[in-house]
């Protein structure tokens, strides 16, 4: 499929969703890392909320990816249907 085709926007959205998913799987750097290498201590409640935030972001990224795949597949199906000769 070409990048200039009728489904290019959906392909671009799929690419962005996949990049986000890969970024989350590899783990983003911790926000409390500083240049000296010292880290502030993590409180128990803070750790739990970070865990749930991370899970929520991953689930949202998976939903975005699945939606992008469905949208692209539907666009490609419609394009194929339009290009078929009518009997």
C-alpha atoms as a PDB file:
ATOM      1  CA  UNK A   1       0.000   0.000   0.000  1.00  0.00           C
ATOM      2  CA  UNK A   2       1.317   3.414  -0.857  1.00  0.00           C
ATOM      3  CA  UNK A   3       1.545   6.214   1.677  1.00  0.00           C
ATOM      4  CA  UNK A   4      -0.434   8.497  -0.660  1.00  0.00           C
ATOM      5  CA  UNK A   5      -3.361   6.115  -1.072  1.00  0.00           C
ATOM      6  CA  UNK A   6      -6.873   6.661   0.223  1.00  0.00           C
ATOM      7  CA  UNK A   7      -6.058   4.809   3.452  1.00  0.00           C
ATOM      8  CA  UNK A   8      -2.852   6.738   4.208  1.00  0.00           C
ATOM      9  CA  UNK A   9      -4.350   8.533   7.213  1.00  0.00           C
ATOM     10  CA  UNK A  10      -5.412   5.236   8.758  1.00  0.00           C
ATOM     11  CA  UNK A  11      -2.000   3.713   8.027  1.00  0.00           C
ATOM     12  CA  UNK A  12      -0.319   6.673   9.718  1.00  0.00           C
ATOM     13  CA  UNK A  13      -2.568   6.267  12.780  1.00  0.00           C
ATOM     14  CA  UNK A  14      -1.672   2.572  12.925  1.00  0.00           C
ATOM     15  CA  UNK A  15       2.031   3.452  12.754  1.00  0.00           C
ATOM     16  CA  UNK A  16       1.644   5.968  15.612  1.00  0.00           C
ATOM     17  CA  UNK A  17      -0.307   3.474  17.725  1.00  0.00           C
ATOM     18  CA  UNK A  18       2.318   0.790  17.140  1.00  0.00           C
ATOM     19  CA  UNK A  19       5.137   3.187  18.051  1.00  0.00           C
ATOM     20  CA  UNK A  20       3.340   4.114  21.273  1.00  0.00           C
ATOM     21  CA  UNK A  21       2.831   0.461  22.125  1.00  0.00           C
ATOM     22  CA  UNK A  22       6.518  -0.316  21.551  1.00  0.00           C
ATOM     23  CA  UNK A  23       7.552   2.685  23.648  1.00  0.00           C
ATOM     24  CA  UNK A  24       5.400   1.516  26.548  1.00  0.00           C
ATOM     25  CA  UNK A  25       6.668  -2.063  26.307  1.00  0.00           C
ATOM     26  CA  UNK A  26      10.283  -0.941  26.483  1.00  0.00           C
ATOM     27  CA  UNK A  27       9.439   1.337  29.388  1.00  0.00           C
ATOM     28  CA  UNK A  28       9.805   5.056  29.409  1.00  0.00           C
ATOM     29  CA  UNK A  29      12.492   6.492  31.672  1.00  0.00           C
ATOM     30  CA  UNK A  30      11.344   7.089  35.224  1.00  0.00           C
ATOM     31  CA  UNK A  31      10.247  10.699  35.755  1.00  0.00           C
ATOM     32  CA  UNK A  32      12.176  11.071  39.037  1.00  0.00           C
ATOM     33  CA  UNK A  33      15.588  10.195  37.559  1.00  0.00           C
ATOM     34  CA  UNK A  34      17.952  13.118  37.792  1.00  0.00           C
ATOM     35  CA  UNK A  35      21.372  13.804  36.289  1.00  0.00           C
ATOM     36  CA  UNK A  36      23.290  12.791  39.420  1.00  0.00           C
ATOM     37  CA  UNK A  37      21.799   9.318  39.457  1.00  0.00           C
ATOM     38  CA  UNK A  38      20.101   9.802  42.825  1.00  0.00           C
ATOM     39  CA  UNK A  39      16.487   8.781  43.052  1.00  0.00           C
ATOM     40  CA  UNK A  40      13.988   9.946  45.581  1.00  0.00           C
ATOM     41  CA  UNK A  41      12.465   7.204  47.716  1.00  0.00           C
ATOM     42  CA  UNK A  42       9.146   5.883  46.485  1.00  0.00           C
ATOM     43  CA  UNK A  43       6.250   5.770  48.907  1.00  0.00           C
ATOM     44  CA  UNK A  44       4.094   2.626  48.943  1.00  0.00           C
ATOM     45  CA  UNK A  45       0.906   4.393  47.806  1.00  0.00           C
ATOM     46  CA  UNK A  46       2.813   6.266  45.122  1.00  0.00           C
ATOM     47  CA  UNK A  47       4.209   3.006  43.777  1.00  0.00           C
ATOM     48  CA  UNK A  48       0.736   1.479  43.614  1.00  0.00           C
ATOM     49  CA  UNK A  49      -0.735   4.465  41.786  1.00  0.00           C
ATOM     50  CA  UNK A  50       2.149   4.455  39.310  1.00  0.00           C
ATOM     51  CA  UNK A  51       1.542   0.768  38.694  1.00  0.00           C
ATOM     52  CA  UNK A  52      -2.141   1.363  37.921  1.00  0.00           C
ATOM     53  CA  UNK A  53      -1.309   4.376  35.737  1.00  0.00           C
ATOM     54  CA  UNK A  54       1.149   2.258  33.767  1.00  0.00           C
ATOM     55  CA  UNK A  55      -1.407  -0.523  33.329  1.00  0.00           C
ATOM     56  CA  UNK A  56      -4.010   2.035  32.235  1.00  0.00           C
ATOM     57  CA  UNK A  57      -1.660   3.554  29.663  1.00  0.00           C
ATOM     58  CA  UNK A  58      -0.820   0.119  28.258  1.00  0.00           C
ATOM     59  CA  UNK A  59      -4.482  -0.858  28.015  1.00  0.00           C
ATOM     60  CA  UNK A  60      -5.287   2.428  26.288  1.00  0.00           C
ATOM     61  CA  UNK A  61      -2.409   1.879  23.857  1.00  0.00           C
ATOM     62  CA  UNK A  62      -3.677  -1.637  23.080  1.00  0.00           C
ATOM     63  CA  UNK A  63      -7.195  -0.300  22.473  1.00  0.00           C
ATOM     64  CA  UNK A  64      -5.831   2.440  20.211  1.00  0.00           C
ATOM     65  CA  UNK A  65      -3.803  -0.142  18.270  1.00  0.00           C
ATOM     66  CA  UNK A  66      -6.760  -2.506  17.840  1.00  0.00           C
ATOM     67  CA  UNK A  67      -8.980   0.372  16.705  1.00  0.00           C
ATOM     68  CA  UNK A  68      -6.364   1.507  14.193  1.00  0.00           C
ATOM     69  CA  UNK A  69      -6.042  -2.034  12.796  1.00  0.00           C
ATOM     70  CA  UNK A  70      -9.830  -2.326  12.408  1.00  0.00           C
ATOM     71  CA  UNK A  71     -10.098   1.094  10.743  1.00  0.00           C
ATOM     72  CA  UNK A  72      -7.303   0.318   8.296  1.00  0.00           C
ATOM     73  CA  UNK A  73      -8.754  -3.112   7.489  1.00  0.00           C
ATOM     74  CA  UNK A  74     -12.175  -1.569   6.843  1.00  0.00           C
ATOM     75  CA  UNK A  75     -10.678   1.101   4.594  1.00  0.00           C
ATOM     76  CA  UNK A  76      -8.742  -1.510   2.610  1.00  0.00           C
ATOM     77  CA  UNK A  77     -11.857  -3.667   2.321  1.00  0.00           C
ATOM     78  CA  UNK A  78     -13.848  -0.714   0.973  1.00  0.00           C
ATOM     79  CA  UNK A  79     -11.088   0.139  -1.502  1.00  0.00           C
ATOM     80  CA  UNK A  80     -10.968  -3.455  -2.722  1.00  0.00           C
ATOM     81  CA  UNK A  81     -14.744  -3.490  -3.080  1.00  0.00           C
ATOM     82  CA  UNK A  82     -14.650  -0.272  -5.132  1.00  0.00           C
ATOM     83  CA  UNK A  83     -11.958  -1.626  -7.437  1.00  0.00           C
ATOM     84  CA  UNK A  84     -13.787  -4.887  -8.207  1.00  0.00           C
ATOM     85  CA  UNK A  85     -15.646  -4.957 -11.531  1.00  0.00           C
ATOM     86  CA  UNK A  86     -19.403  -4.815 -11.134  1.00  0.00           C
ATOM     87  CA  UNK A  87     -21.318  -7.645 -12.825  1.00  0.00           C
END
